Amino acid sequence: AVELRTGYGVVEDCHVGCGYAISVCVDALLKPLYDAVLYGNAVVCAGGRGVPDAVAPVDVAALRCWHLAHGVAGAVKHLVVSAEVEAAYAERIPVLLKGPTGCGKTRFLEYMTYRMSRKLHEKASSSPSHDGIPLITIACHEDLTASDLVGKYLLEGDTTRWVDGPLTRAVKSGGICYLDEVVEARKDTIVLIHPLADHRRSLYIEKKGEMLEASDSFMLVISYNPGYQSILKNLKHSTRQRFIAIEFTHPPKEIESKIIAHEAGVDDNLAGRLARLGEKIRNLKEQDLSEVISTRLLIYAARLIKEGIPARRACEVAAVWSITDDQEVQKSLKEVVTAIFE
């Protein structure tokens, strides 16, 4: 089992976290694919200029020294990504990604899809035209119906034509179907995925009286934000227990600073101050914030500042007004902003 996870630096926490965790170049050929594309999660450092493969417990201090000496975006030649998702894909096990807004769940899945597609391409030597694994993303909402997922008949002149929904297309094509913020969907719609998430791996199209067997390469992934849970919006146990769950969280300040610098293209000083702002806002327990600031919003603030917006103003529109409407809480958050950007 992999014990060390890292992205921009070495993370000693062995739990899955830091959704925005990687943005590194693998080699000159793959650099455009990795740079500014990946947030990633649960990445372990491996290979490249004497760095040992981290597929077993390694010397954390030695790796930290190596990172400080050589930097992250450059000499790292290989990435060893946490094996959970790849193992789940190989064993056809559905996956649940849960974590706060803007921590990198979707970017992580995009990266994993690319990574697994590349592995399949390398294995399929007899079919070099392999196009990879399709990733079909569905943004769930309260009006999402079974027909929206499975498909429906549409009028076309004097006749009707059946049009597959995104879930049906994923089942047929053997892609990864990603239901984003699944708790927003109606419960009677969520139940539709149950046969796909257990040993049956099948989808019943009621309007056509047809039963589809999922392709071997089909995978079902759902995500949700535990902070949104309530009595009315929660996953049933009958749904949860069909998935393995991977938890995401916000990255440590040191890593978040590097993420902000890379994603927004700002200097380390500004990125560090924004990361410190994020840390302080997340520690304001007494304010009873229903949702703390995300790494995404800190990146937005950095981009605004880079375009000439004053730092305090950029933080107000990205880090204060975006997360609360309570004027007293906004006042407290503005004081934090002022303390950091004097």
C-alpha atoms as a PDB file:
ATOM      1  CA  ALA A   1       0.000   0.000   0.000  1.00  0.00           C
ATOM      2  CA  VAL A   2       1.201   3.485  -0.798  1.00  0.00           C
ATOM      3  CA  GLU A   3       1.937   5.421   2.358  1.00  0.00           C
ATOM      4  CA  LEU A   4       3.151   8.742   0.997  1.00  0.00           C
ATOM      5  CA  ARG A   5       1.115  11.178  -1.052  1.00  0.00           C
ATOM      6  CA  THR A   6       2.500  14.329  -2.541  1.00  0.00           C
ATOM      7  CA  GLY A   7       1.759  16.928  -5.170  1.00  0.00           C
ATOM      8  CA  TYR A   8       3.728  20.144  -5.148  1.00  0.00           C
ATOM      9  CA  GLY A   9       5.595  18.933  -2.088  1.00  0.00           C
ATOM     10  CA  VAL A  10       5.724  16.009   0.251  1.00  0.00           C
ATOM     11  CA  VAL A  11       2.613  15.365   2.304  1.00  0.00           C
ATOM     12  CA  GLU A  12       3.059  13.145   5.307  1.00  0.00           C
ATOM     13  CA  ASP A  13      -0.676  12.632   5.820  1.00  0.00           C
ATOM     14  CA  CYS A  14      -1.498   9.132   4.625  1.00  0.00           C
ATOM     15  CA  HIS A  15      -5.159   9.897   4.068  1.00  0.00           C
ATOM     16  CA  VAL A  16      -6.434  10.866   0.649  1.00  0.00           C
ATOM     17  CA  GLY A  17      -6.681  14.612   0.408  1.00  0.00           C
ATOM     18  CA  CYS A  18      -5.501  17.735  -1.358  1.00  0.00           C
ATOM     19  CA  GLY A  19      -7.607  17.594  -4.475  1.00  0.00           C
ATOM     20  CA  TYR A  20      -5.480  20.257  -6.109  1.00  0.00           C
ATOM     21  CA  ALA A  21      -2.315  18.279  -5.597  1.00  0.00           C
ATOM     22  CA  ILE A  22      -0.339  17.997  -8.799  1.00  0.00           C
ATOM     23  CA  SER A  23       0.757  20.030 -11.743  1.00  0.00           C
ATOM     24  CA  VAL A  24       4.078  18.660 -12.879  1.00  0.00           C
ATOM     25  CA  CYS A  25       5.740  17.751 -16.141  1.00  0.00           C
ATOM     26  CA  VAL A  26       6.547  14.109 -16.736  1.00  0.00           C
ATOM     27  CA  ASP A  27       8.870  14.616 -19.677  1.00  0.00           C
ATOM     28  CA  ALA A  28       9.168  16.953 -22.625  1.00  0.00           C
ATOM     29  CA  LEU A  29       6.566  15.038 -24.620  1.00  0.00           C
ATOM     30  CA  LEU A  30       3.911  14.971 -21.900  1.00  0.00           C
ATOM     31  CA  LYS A  31       4.594  18.395 -20.427  1.00  0.00           C
ATOM     32  CA  PRO A  32       1.810  20.170 -22.361  1.00  0.00           C
ATOM     33  CA  LEU A  33      -0.667  17.556 -21.170  1.00  0.00           C
ATOM     34  CA  TYR A  34       0.245  17.954 -17.514  1.00  0.00           C
ATOM     35  CA  ASP A  35       0.989  21.646 -17.100  1.00  0.00           C
ATOM     36  CA  ALA A  36      -2.035  23.738 -16.136  1.00  0.00           C
ATOM     37  CA  VAL A  37      -4.376  20.806 -16.635  1.00  0.00           C
ATOM     38  CA  LEU A  38      -4.225  18.747 -13.488  1.00  0.00           C
ATOM     39  CA  TYR A  39      -5.203  19.375  -9.922  1.00  0.00           C
ATOM     40  CA  GLY A  40      -5.092  15.681  -9.039  1.00  0.00           C
ATOM     41  CA  ASN A  41      -5.179  13.894  -5.728  1.00  0.00           C
ATOM     42  CA  ALA A  42      -3.319  11.313  -3.712  1.00  0.00           C
ATOM     43  CA  VAL A  43      -0.211  11.488  -5.853  1.00  0.00           C
ATOM     44  CA  VAL A  44       2.999   9.870  -4.706  1.00  0.00           C
ATOM     45  CA  CYS A  45       6.437  10.879  -5.869  1.00  0.00           C
ATOM     46  CA  ALA A  46       8.446   8.407  -7.884  1.00  0.00           C
ATOM     47  CA  GLY A  47      11.385   8.147 -10.225  1.00  0.00           C
ATOM     48  CA  GLY A  48      13.575  10.805 -11.742  1.00  0.00           C
ATOM     49  CA  ARG A  49      17.138  11.726 -10.783  1.00  0.00           C
ATOM     50  CA  GLY A  50      17.514   9.370  -7.872  1.00  0.00           C
ATOM     51  CA  VAL A  51      14.083   9.711  -6.295  1.00  0.00           C
ATOM     52  CA  PRO A  52      12.972   6.252  -5.190  1.00  0.00           C
ATOM     53  CA  ASP A  53       9.649   4.860  -6.343  1.00  0.00           C
ATOM     54  CA  ALA A  54       7.201   5.554  -3.538  1.00  0.00           C
ATOM     55  CA  VAL A  55       5.322   2.298  -3.718  1.00  0.00           C
ATOM     56  CA  ALA A  56       6.359   1.506  -0.161  1.00  0.00           C
ATOM     57  CA  PRO A  57       7.046   3.667   2.905  1.00  0.00           C
ATOM     58  CA  VAL A  58       9.903   6.033   2.101  1.00  0.00           C
ATOM     59  CA  ASP A  59      12.136   8.534   3.862  1.00  0.00           C
ATOM     60  CA  VAL A  60       9.905  11.631   4.047  1.00  0.00           C
ATOM     61  CA  ALA A  61      12.729  13.934   5.118  1.00  0.00           C
ATOM     62  CA  ALA A  62      14.958  12.786   2.255  1.00  0.00           C
ATOM     63  CA  LEU A  63      12.191  13.360  -0.285  1.00  0.00           C
ATOM     64  CA  ARG A  64      11.482  16.804   1.125  1.00  0.00           C
ATOM     65  CA  CYS A  65      15.156  17.714   0.784  1.00  0.00           C
ATOM     66  CA  TRP A  66      15.118  16.443  -2.795  1.00  0.00           C
ATOM     67  CA  HIS A  67      12.095  18.578  -3.611  1.00  0.00           C
ATOM     68  CA  LEU A  68      13.666  21.656  -2.055  1.00  0.00           C
ATOM     69  CA  ALA A  69      16.869  21.073  -4.015  1.00  0.00           C
ATOM     70  CA  HIS A  70      15.404  20.242  -7.418  1.00  0.00           C
ATOM     71  CA  GLY A  71      11.869  21.631  -7.425  1.00  0.00           C
ATOM     72  CA  VAL A  72       8.787  19.692  -8.420  1.00  0.00           C
ATOM     73  CA  ALA A  73       8.010  20.832 -11.957  1.00  0.00           C
ATOM     74  CA  GLY A  74      10.978  19.627 -13.891  1.00  0.00           C
ATOM     75  CA  ALA A  75      12.909  16.524 -13.001  1.00  0.00           C
ATOM     76  CA  VAL A  76      10.048  14.294 -11.958  1.00  0.00           C
ATOM     77  CA  LYS A  77       9.909  11.682 -14.697  1.00  0.00           C
ATOM     78  CA  HIS A  78       7.224   9.359 -13.414  1.00  0.00           C
ATOM     79  CA  LEU A  79       4.080   9.725 -11.362  1.00  0.00           C
ATOM     80  CA  VAL A  80       2.725   6.957  -9.237  1.00  0.00           C
ATOM     81  CA  VAL A  81      -0.872   7.834  -8.525  1.00  0.00           C
ATOM     82  CA  SER A  82      -2.736   6.392  -5.585  1.00  0.00           C
ATOM     83  CA  ALA A  83      -3.871   2.969  -6.664  1.00  0.00           C
ATOM     84  CA  GLU A  84      -7.415   3.074  -5.324  1.00  0.00           C
ATOM     85  CA  VAL A  85      -9.138   4.380  -8.454  1.00  0.00           C
ATOM     86  CA  GLU A  86      -7.080   2.267 -10.841  1.00  0.00           C
ATOM     87  CA  ALA A  87      -7.811  -0.839  -8.777  1.00  0.00           C
ATOM     88  CA  ALA A  88     -11.505   0.040  -8.686  1.00  0.00           C
ATOM     89  CA  TYR A  89     -11.518   0.485 -12.458  1.00  0.00           C
ATOM     90  CA  ALA A  90      -9.807  -2.863 -12.981  1.00  0.00           C
ATOM     91  CA  GLU A  91     -12.269  -4.605 -10.658  1.00  0.00           C
ATOM     92  CA  ARG A  92     -15.314  -2.669 -11.953  1.00  0.00           C
ATOM     93  CA  ILE A  93     -16.076  -1.112  -8.567  1.00  0.00           C
ATOM     94  CA  PRO A  94     -18.069   2.171  -8.470  1.00  0.00           C
ATOM     95  CA  VAL A  95     -16.350   5.124  -6.800  1.00  0.00           C
ATOM     96  CA  LEU A  96     -17.691   7.943  -4.636  1.00  0.00           C
ATOM     97  CA  LEU A  97     -15.623  11.150  -4.396  1.00  0.00           C
ATOM     98  CA  LYS A  98     -16.602  13.369  -1.491  1.00  0.00           C
ATOM     99  CA  GLY A  99     -15.168  16.633  -0.320  1.00  0.00           C
ATOM    100  CA  PRO A 100     -15.741  20.383  -0.116  1.00  0.00           C
ATOM    101  CA  THR A 101     -16.434  22.583  -3.108  1.00  0.00           C
ATOM    102  CA  GLY A 102     -13.448  23.522  -5.230  1.00  0.00           C
ATOM    103  CA  CYS A 103     -10.967  21.033  -3.782  1.00  0.00           C
ATOM    104  CA  GLY A 104     -10.295  19.297  -7.120  1.00  0.00           C
ATOM    105  CA  LYS A 105     -12.590  16.261  -7.304  1.00  0.00           C
ATOM    106  CA  THR A 106     -13.484  16.790 -10.952  1.00  0.00           C
ATOM    107  CA  ARG A 107      -9.937  17.659 -12.015  1.00  0.00           C
ATOM    108  CA  PHE A 108      -8.706  14.533 -10.257  1.00  0.00           C
ATOM    109  CA  LEU A 109     -11.149  12.350 -12.172  1.00  0.00           C
ATOM    110  CA  GLU A 110     -10.168  14.006 -15.445  1.00  0.00           C
ATOM    111  CA  TYR A 111      -6.545  13.232 -14.685  1.00  0.00           C
ATOM    112  CA  MET A 112      -7.295   9.627 -13.722  1.00  0.00           C
ATOM    113  CA  THR A 113      -9.274   9.152 -16.934  1.00  0.00           C
ATOM    114  CA  TYR A 114      -6.314  10.414 -18.946  1.00  0.00           C
ATOM    115  CA  ARG A 115      -3.897   8.245 -16.992  1.00  0.00           C
ATOM    116  CA  MET A 116      -5.939   5.057 -17.373  1.00  0.00           C
ATOM    117  CA  SER A 117      -6.563   5.795 -21.067  1.00  0.00           C
ATOM    118  CA  ARG A 118      -2.840   6.128 -21.614  1.00  0.00           C
ATOM    119  CA  LYS A 119      -2.212   2.788 -19.891  1.00  0.00           C
ATOM    120  CA  LEU A 120      -4.831   1.094 -22.051  1.00  0.00           C
ATOM    121  CA  HIS A 121      -3.270   2.620 -25.147  1.00  0.00           C
ATOM    122  CA  GLU A 122       0.130   1.271 -24.169  1.00  0.00           C
ATOM    123  CA  LYS A 123      -1.295  -2.212 -23.615  1.00  0.00           C
ATOM    124  CA  ALA A 124      -3.292  -2.227 -26.858  1.00  0.00           C
ATOM    125  CA  SER A 125      -0.263  -2.654 -29.107  1.00  0.00           C
ATOM    126  CA  SER A 126      -2.419  -4.472 -31.657  1.00  0.00           C
ATOM    127  CA  SER A 127      -4.749  -1.468 -31.991  1.00  0.00           C
ATOM    128  CA  PRO A 128      -2.649   1.700 -31.973  1.00  0.00           C
ATOM    129  CA  SER A 129      -5.708   3.790 -32.847  1.00  0.00           C
ATOM    130  CA  HIS A 130      -7.147   3.331 -29.348  1.00  0.00           C
ATOM    131  CA  ASP A 131      -8.862   6.615 -28.472  1.00  0.00           C
ATOM    132  CA  GLY A 132      -8.916   6.177 -24.704  1.00  0.00           C
ATOM    133  CA  ILE A 133     -11.734   6.087 -22.181  1.00  0.00           C
ATOM    134  CA  PRO A 134     -14.625   8.518 -22.717  1.00  0.00           C
ATOM    135  CA  LEU A 135     -15.488  10.653 -19.696  1.00  0.00           C
ATOM    136  CA  ILE A 136     -19.137  11.689 -19.619  1.00  0.00           C
ATOM    137  CA  THR A 137     -19.969  14.234 -16.914  1.00  0.00           C
ATOM    138  CA  ILE A 138     -23.523  14.887 -15.745  1.00  0.00           C
ATOM    139  CA  ALA A 139     -24.231  17.909 -13.544  1.00  0.00           C
ATOM    140  CA  CYS A 140     -27.025  16.730 -11.252  1.00  0.00           C
ATOM    141  CA  HIS A 141     -29.904  18.985 -10.253  1.00  0.00           C
ATOM    142  CA  GLU A 142     -33.320  18.620  -8.659  1.00  0.00           C
ATOM    143  CA  ASP A 143     -35.113  18.509 -12.021  1.00  0.00           C
ATOM    144  CA  LEU A 144     -32.935  15.723 -13.415  1.00  0.00           C
ATOM    145  CA  THR A 145     -35.207  12.863 -14.491  1.00  0.00           C
ATOM    146  CA  ALA A 146     -34.604   9.245 -15.414  1.00  0.00           C
ATOM    147  CA  SER A 147     -35.294  10.147 -19.048  1.00  0.00           C
ATOM    148  CA  ASP A 148     -32.558  12.789 -18.937  1.00  0.00           C
ATOM    149  CA  LEU A 149     -30.096  10.055 -17.982  1.00  0.00           C
ATOM    150  CA  VAL A 150     -31.355   7.109 -20.003  1.00  0.00           C
ATOM    151  CA  GLY A 151     -32.852   8.716 -23.111  1.00  0.00           C
ATOM    152  CA  LYS A 152     -36.169   9.646 -24.671  1.00  0.00           C
ATOM    153  CA  TYR A 153     -38.192   9.592 -27.862  1.00  0.00           C
ATOM    154  CA  LEU A 154     -38.189  12.842 -29.829  1.00  0.00           C
ATOM    155  CA  LEU A 155     -40.640  13.915 -32.509  1.00  0.00           C
ATOM    156  CA  GLU A 156     -39.081  14.091 -35.945  1.00  0.00           C
ATOM    157  CA  GLY A 157     -41.587  14.947 -38.674  1.00  0.00           C
ATOM    158  CA  ASP A 158     -44.354  12.359 -38.638  1.00  0.00           C
ATOM    159  CA  THR A 159     -42.406   9.845 -36.603  1.00  0.00           C
ATOM    160  CA  THR A 160     -40.353   9.551 -33.434  1.00  0.00           C
ATOM    161  CA  ARG A 161     -36.671   8.957 -32.927  1.00  0.00           C
ATOM    162  CA  TRP A 162     -34.977   7.510 -29.865  1.00  0.00           C
ATOM    163  CA  VAL A 163     -32.054   9.501 -28.484  1.00  0.00           C
ATOM    164  CA  ASP A 164     -29.753   7.905 -25.911  1.00  0.00           C
ATOM    165  CA  GLY A 165     -29.116   9.819 -22.716  1.00  0.00           C
ATOM    166  CA  PRO A 166     -25.591  10.361 -21.356  1.00  0.00           C
ATOM    167  CA  LEU A 167     -25.779   7.387 -18.986  1.00  0.00           C
ATOM    168  CA  THR A 168     -26.835   5.052 -21.795  1.00  0.00           C
ATOM    169  CA  ARG A 169     -24.042   6.353 -24.025  1.00  0.00           C
ATOM    170  CA  ALA A 170     -21.493   5.700 -21.290  1.00  0.00           C
ATOM    171  CA  VAL A 171     -22.799   2.161 -20.732  1.00  0.00           C
ATOM    172  CA  LYS A 172     -22.643   1.390 -24.457  1.00  0.00           C
ATOM    173  CA  SER A 173     -19.290   3.018 -25.147  1.00  0.00           C
ATOM    174  CA  GLY A 174     -17.583   1.657 -22.053  1.00  0.00           C
ATOM    175  CA  GLY A 175     -16.756   5.083 -20.696  1.00  0.00           C
ATOM    176  CA  ILE A 176     -16.643   6.629 -17.258  1.00  0.00           C
ATOM    177  CA  CYS A 177     -19.951   8.192 -16.243  1.00  0.00           C
ATOM    178  CA  TYR A 178     -19.465  10.923 -13.654  1.00  0.00           C
ATOM    179  CA  LEU A 179     -22.519  12.163 -11.725  1.00  0.00           C
ATOM    180  CA  ASP A 180     -21.372  15.449 -10.196  1.00  0.00           C
ATOM    181  CA  GLU A 181     -23.093  16.558  -6.952  1.00  0.00           C
ATOM    182  CA  VAL A 182     -25.337  13.513  -7.027  1.00  0.00           C
ATOM    183  CA  VAL A 183     -27.284  14.533  -3.890  1.00  0.00           C
ATOM    184  CA  GLU A 184     -28.852  17.342  -5.902  1.00  0.00           C
ATOM    185  CA  ALA A 185     -30.720  14.801  -8.032  1.00  0.00           C
ATOM    186  CA  ARG A 186     -34.115  13.392  -7.102  1.00  0.00           C
ATOM    187  CA  LYS A 187     -34.044  10.166  -5.130  1.00  0.00           C
ATOM    188  CA  ASP A 188     -36.176   8.332  -7.690  1.00  0.00           C
ATOM    189  CA  THR A 189     -33.579   9.278 -10.302  1.00  0.00           C
ATOM    190  CA  ILE A 190     -30.617   8.129  -8.218  1.00  0.00           C
ATOM    191  CA  VAL A 191     -32.232   4.709  -7.740  1.00  0.00           C
ATOM    192  CA  LEU A 192     -31.838   4.205 -11.482  1.00  0.00           C
ATOM    193  CA  ILE A 193     -28.083   3.717 -11.090  1.00  0.00           C
ATOM    194  CA  HIS A 194     -28.367   0.944  -8.478  1.00  0.00           C
ATOM    195  CA  PRO A 195     -28.260  -1.966 -10.961  1.00  0.00           C
ATOM    196  CA  LEU A 196     -25.147  -0.412 -12.533  1.00  0.00           C
ATOM    197  CA  ALA A 197     -23.464  -0.118  -9.137  1.00  0.00           C
ATOM    198  CA  ASP A 198     -23.669  -3.736  -8.029  1.00  0.00           C
ATOM    199  CA  HIS A 199     -22.905  -7.174  -9.471  1.00  0.00           C
ATOM    200  CA  ARG A 200     -25.557  -6.808 -12.194  1.00  0.00           C
ATOM    201  CA  ARG A 201     -23.862  -3.885 -13.994  1.00  0.00           C
ATOM    202  CA  SER A 202     -26.945  -3.411 -16.129  1.00  0.00           C
ATOM    203  CA  LEU A 203     -29.236  -0.580 -17.155  1.00  0.00           C
ATOM    204  CA  TYR A 204     -32.911  -1.123 -17.853  1.00  0.00           C
ATOM    205  CA  ILE A 205     -34.444   1.186 -20.466  1.00  0.00           C
ATOM    206  CA  GLU A 206     -38.099   1.044 -19.539  1.00  0.00           C
ATOM    207  CA  LYS A 207     -39.425   2.928 -22.560  1.00  0.00           C
ATOM    208  CA  LYS A 208     -37.777   0.464 -24.944  1.00  0.00           C
ATOM    209  CA  GLY A 209     -38.160  -2.633 -22.797  1.00  0.00           C
ATOM    210  CA  GLU A 210     -34.434  -3.186 -23.201  1.00  0.00           C
ATOM    211  CA  MET A 211     -31.780  -4.345 -20.749  1.00  0.00           C
ATOM    212  CA  LEU A 212     -28.251  -3.118 -21.431  1.00  0.00           C
ATOM    213  CA  GLU A 213     -25.221  -4.912 -20.029  1.00  0.00           C
ATOM    214  CA  ALA A 214     -22.414  -2.510 -19.218  1.00  0.00           C
ATOM    215  CA  SER A 215     -19.178  -2.865 -21.129  1.00  0.00           C
ATOM    216  CA  ASP A 216     -16.190  -4.158 -19.187  1.00  0.00           C
ATOM    217  CA  SER A 217     -14.577  -0.728 -19.414  1.00  0.00           C
ATOM    218  CA  PHE A 218     -17.624   1.103 -18.025  1.00  0.00           C
ATOM    219  CA  MET A 219     -17.148   2.795 -14.647  1.00  0.00           C
ATOM    220  CA  LEU A 220     -19.599   4.732 -12.492  1.00  0.00           C
ATOM    221  CA  VAL A 221     -18.305   7.637 -10.406  1.00  0.00           C
ATOM    222  CA  ILE A 222     -20.367   9.990  -8.274  1.00  0.00           C
ATOM    223  CA  SER A 223     -19.405  12.979  -6.137  1.00  0.00           C
ATOM    224  CA  TYR A 224     -20.968  15.147  -3.507  1.00  0.00           C
ATOM    225  CA  ASN A 225     -20.130  17.746  -0.906  1.00  0.00           C
ATOM    226  CA  PRO A 226     -20.796  16.472   2.651  1.00  0.00           C
ATOM    227  CA  GLY A 227     -21.350  20.089   3.721  1.00  0.00           C
ATOM    228  CA  TYR A 228     -24.546  20.163   1.683  1.00  0.00           C
ATOM    229  CA  GLN A 229     -26.072  17.229   3.481  1.00  0.00           C
ATOM    230  CA  SER A 230     -29.344  17.740   5.294  1.00  0.00           C
ATOM    231  CA  ILE A 231     -32.392  15.738   6.171  1.00  0.00           C
ATOM    232  CA  LEU A 232     -33.804  16.388   2.707  1.00  0.00           C
ATOM    233  CA  LYS A 233     -30.566  16.004   0.736  1.00  0.00           C
ATOM    234  CA  ASN A 234     -28.575  12.962   1.673  1.00  0.00           C
ATOM    235  CA  LEU A 235     -27.468   9.762   0.031  1.00  0.00           C
ATOM    236  CA  LYS A 236     -29.459   6.711   0.968  1.00  0.00           C
ATOM    237  CA  HIS A 237     -27.467   3.913   2.568  1.00  0.00           C
ATOM    238  CA  SER A 238     -28.676   1.677  -0.248  1.00  0.00           C
ATOM    239  CA  THR A 239     -26.797   4.006  -2.604  1.00  0.00           C
ATOM    240  CA  ARG A 240     -23.713   4.756  -0.485  1.00  0.00           C
ATOM    241  CA  GLN A 241     -22.936   1.127   0.183  1.00  0.00           C
ATOM    242  CA  ARG A 242     -22.633   0.391  -3.512  1.00  0.00           C
ATOM    243  CA  PHE A 243     -19.537   2.597  -3.790  1.00  0.00           C
ATOM    244  CA  ILE A 244     -16.075   2.801  -2.330  1.00  0.00           C
ATOM    245  CA  ALA A 245     -15.510   6.321  -0.974  1.00  0.00           C
ATOM    246  CA  ILE A 246     -12.475   8.578  -1.345  1.00  0.00           C
ATOM    247  CA  GLU A 247     -12.400  11.691   0.817  1.00  0.00           C
ATOM    248  CA  PHE A 248     -10.923  14.971  -0.356  1.00  0.00           C
ATOM    249  CA  THR A 249      -9.933  17.993   1.667  1.00  0.00           C
ATOM    250  CA  HIS A 250      -8.160  21.302   1.204  1.00  0.00           C
ATOM    251  CA  PRO A 251      -4.375  21.076   0.801  1.00  0.00           C
ATOM    252  CA  PRO A 252      -1.945  22.303   3.471  1.00  0.00           C
ATOM    253  CA  LYS A 253      -0.959  25.957   3.221  1.00  0.00           C
ATOM    254  CA  GLU A 254       2.493  25.267   1.786  1.00  0.00           C
ATOM    255  CA  ILE A 255       1.091  23.151  -1.048  1.00  0.00           C
ATOM    256  CA  GLU A 256      -1.873  25.445  -1.660  1.00  0.00           C
ATOM    257  CA  SER A 257       0.527  28.357  -2.098  1.00  0.00           C
ATOM    258  CA  LYS A 258       2.352  26.516  -4.879  1.00  0.00           C
ATOM    259  CA  ILE A 259      -0.944  25.572  -6.517  1.00  0.00           C
ATOM    260  CA  ILE A 260      -2.116  29.191  -6.533  1.00  0.00           C
ATOM    261  CA  ALA A 261       1.201  30.369  -7.966  1.00  0.00           C
ATOM    262  CA  HIS A 262       1.075  27.772 -10.737  1.00  0.00           C
ATOM    263  CA  GLU A 263      -2.608  28.045 -11.661  1.00  0.00           C
ATOM    264  CA  ALA A 264      -2.826  31.847 -11.541  1.00  0.00           C
ATOM    265  CA  GLY A 265       0.691  32.642 -12.743  1.00  0.00           C
ATOM    266  CA  VAL A 266       1.530  34.895  -9.785  1.00  0.00           C
ATOM    267  CA  ASP A 267       4.668  35.204  -7.672  1.00  0.00           C
ATOM    268  CA  ASP A 268       5.288  33.086  -4.595  1.00  0.00           C
ATOM    269  CA  ASN A 269       4.826  36.002  -2.200  1.00  0.00           C
ATOM    270  CA  LEU A 270       1.285  36.762  -3.348  1.00  0.00           C
ATOM    271  CA  ALA A 271       0.412  33.084  -3.548  1.00  0.00           C
ATOM    272  CA  GLY A 272       1.661  32.572   0.008  1.00  0.00           C
ATOM    273  CA  ARG A 273      -0.454  35.431   1.363  1.00  0.00           C
ATOM    274  CA  LEU A 274      -3.556  34.088  -0.363  1.00  0.00           C
ATOM    275  CA  ALA A 275      -2.891  30.606   0.988  1.00  0.00           C
ATOM    276  CA  ARG A 276      -2.544  32.122   4.466  1.00  0.00           C
ATOM    277  CA  LEU A 277      -5.854  33.919   3.932  1.00  0.00           C
ATOM    278  CA  GLY A 278      -7.515  30.621   3.030  1.00  0.00           C
ATOM    279  CA  GLU A 279      -6.090  28.951   6.128  1.00  0.00           C
ATOM    280  CA  LYS A 280      -7.297  31.712   8.441  1.00  0.00           C
ATOM    281  CA  ILE A 281     -10.808  31.783   6.962  1.00  0.00           C
ATOM    282  CA  ARG A 282     -11.108  28.005   7.339  1.00  0.00           C
ATOM    283  CA  ASN A 283     -10.093  28.316  10.978  1.00  0.00           C
ATOM    284  CA  LEU A 284     -12.862  30.811  11.803  1.00  0.00           C
ATOM    285  CA  LYS A 285     -14.939  28.201  13.597  1.00  0.00           C
ATOM    286  CA  GLU A 286     -16.852  30.779  15.643  1.00  0.00           C
ATOM    287  CA  GLN A 287     -18.316  32.318  12.482  1.00  0.00           C
ATOM    288  CA  ASP A 288     -20.249  29.124  11.762  1.00  0.00           C
ATOM    289  CA  LEU A 289     -19.607  29.266   8.023  1.00  0.00           C
ATOM    290  CA  SER A 290     -21.652  26.669   6.180  1.00  0.00           C
ATOM    291  CA  GLU A 291     -18.950  26.519   3.496  1.00  0.00           C
ATOM    292  CA  VAL A 292     -15.345  27.667   3.786  1.00  0.00           C
ATOM    293  CA  ILE A 293     -13.293  29.188   1.008  1.00  0.00           C
ATOM    294  CA  SER A 294     -12.098  26.848  -1.713  1.00  0.00           C
ATOM    295  CA  THR A 295      -8.741  26.688  -3.448  1.00  0.00           C
ATOM    296  CA  ARG A 296     -10.595  27.609  -6.639  1.00  0.00           C
ATOM    297  CA  LEU A 297     -11.699  30.960  -5.183  1.00  0.00           C
ATOM    298  CA  LEU A 298      -8.180  31.736  -3.998  1.00  0.00           C
ATOM    299  CA  ILE A 299      -6.956  31.128  -7.544  1.00  0.00           C
ATOM    300  CA  TYR A 300      -9.667  33.462  -8.844  1.00  0.00           C
ATOM    301  CA  ALA A 301      -8.518  36.164  -6.409  1.00  0.00           C
ATOM    302  CA  ALA A 302      -4.933  35.730  -7.584  1.00  0.00           C
ATOM    303  CA  ARG A 303      -5.980  36.087 -11.210  1.00  0.00           C
ATOM    304  CA  LEU A 304      -7.891  39.285 -10.471  1.00  0.00           C
ATOM    305  CA  ILE A 305      -4.876  40.745  -8.674  1.00  0.00           C
ATOM    306  CA  LYS A 306      -2.646  39.779 -11.605  1.00  0.00           C
ATOM    307  CA  GLU A 307      -4.958  41.783 -13.888  1.00  0.00           C
ATOM    308  CA  GLY A 308      -4.558  44.918 -11.766  1.00  0.00           C
ATOM    309  CA  ILE A 309      -7.460  44.674  -9.325  1.00  0.00           C
ATOM    310  CA  PRO A 310      -6.363  45.880  -5.847  1.00  0.00           C
ATOM    311  CA  ALA A 311      -5.631  42.944  -3.563  1.00  0.00           C
ATOM    312  CA  ARG A 312      -8.237  43.803  -0.926  1.00  0.00           C
ATOM    313  CA  ARG A 313     -10.947  44.317  -3.524  1.00  0.00           C
ATOM    314  CA  ALA A 314     -10.054  41.072  -5.289  1.00  0.00           C
ATOM    315  CA  CYS A 315     -10.242  39.173  -2.009  1.00  0.00           C
ATOM    316  CA  GLU A 316     -13.571  40.761  -1.146  1.00  0.00           C
ATOM    317  CA  VAL A 317     -15.252  39.684  -4.375  1.00  0.00           C
ATOM    318  CA  ALA A 318     -13.610  36.257  -4.485  1.00  0.00           C
ATOM    319  CA  ALA A 319     -13.079  35.314  -0.848  1.00  0.00           C
ATOM    320  CA  VAL A 320     -15.695  37.213   1.140  1.00  0.00           C
ATOM    321  CA  TRP A 321     -18.878  37.884  -0.783  1.00  0.00           C
ATOM    322  CA  SER A 322     -18.708  34.540  -2.573  1.00  0.00           C
ATOM    323  CA  ILE A 323     -18.985  32.436   0.574  1.00  0.00           C
ATOM    324  CA  THR A 324     -21.481  34.331   2.753  1.00  0.00           C
ATOM    325  CA  ASP A 325     -24.293  36.883   2.628  1.00  0.00           C
ATOM    326  CA  ASP A 326     -24.235  37.558   6.385  1.00  0.00           C
ATOM    327  CA  GLN A 327     -22.979  41.119   6.843  1.00  0.00           C
ATOM    328  CA  GLU A 328     -21.500  40.444  10.282  1.00  0.00           C
ATOM    329  CA  VAL A 329     -19.561  37.478   8.948  1.00  0.00           C
ATOM    330  CA  GLN A 330     -18.467  39.530   5.934  1.00  0.00           C
ATOM    331  CA  LYS A 331     -17.155  42.186   8.323  1.00  0.00           C
ATOM    332  CA  SER A 332     -15.077  39.598  10.172  1.00  0.00           C
ATOM    333  CA  LEU A 333     -13.712  38.192   6.918  1.00  0.00           C
ATOM    334  CA  LYS A 334     -12.791  41.669   5.675  1.00  0.00           C
ATOM    335  CA  GLU A 335     -10.774  42.211   8.866  1.00  0.00           C
ATOM    336  CA  VAL A 336      -8.835  39.051   8.083  1.00  0.00           C
ATOM    337  CA  VAL A 337      -8.209  40.299   4.536  1.00  0.00           C
ATOM    338  CA  THR A 338      -7.025  43.671   5.841  1.00  0.00           C
ATOM    339  CA  ALA A 339      -4.656  42.026   8.320  1.00  0.00           C
ATOM    340  CA  ILE A 340      -2.957  40.091   5.520  1.00  0.00           C
ATOM    341  CA  PHE A 341      -3.080  42.712   2.757  1.00  0.00           C
ATOM    342  CA  GLU A 342      -2.267  45.869   4.729  1.00  0.00           C
END
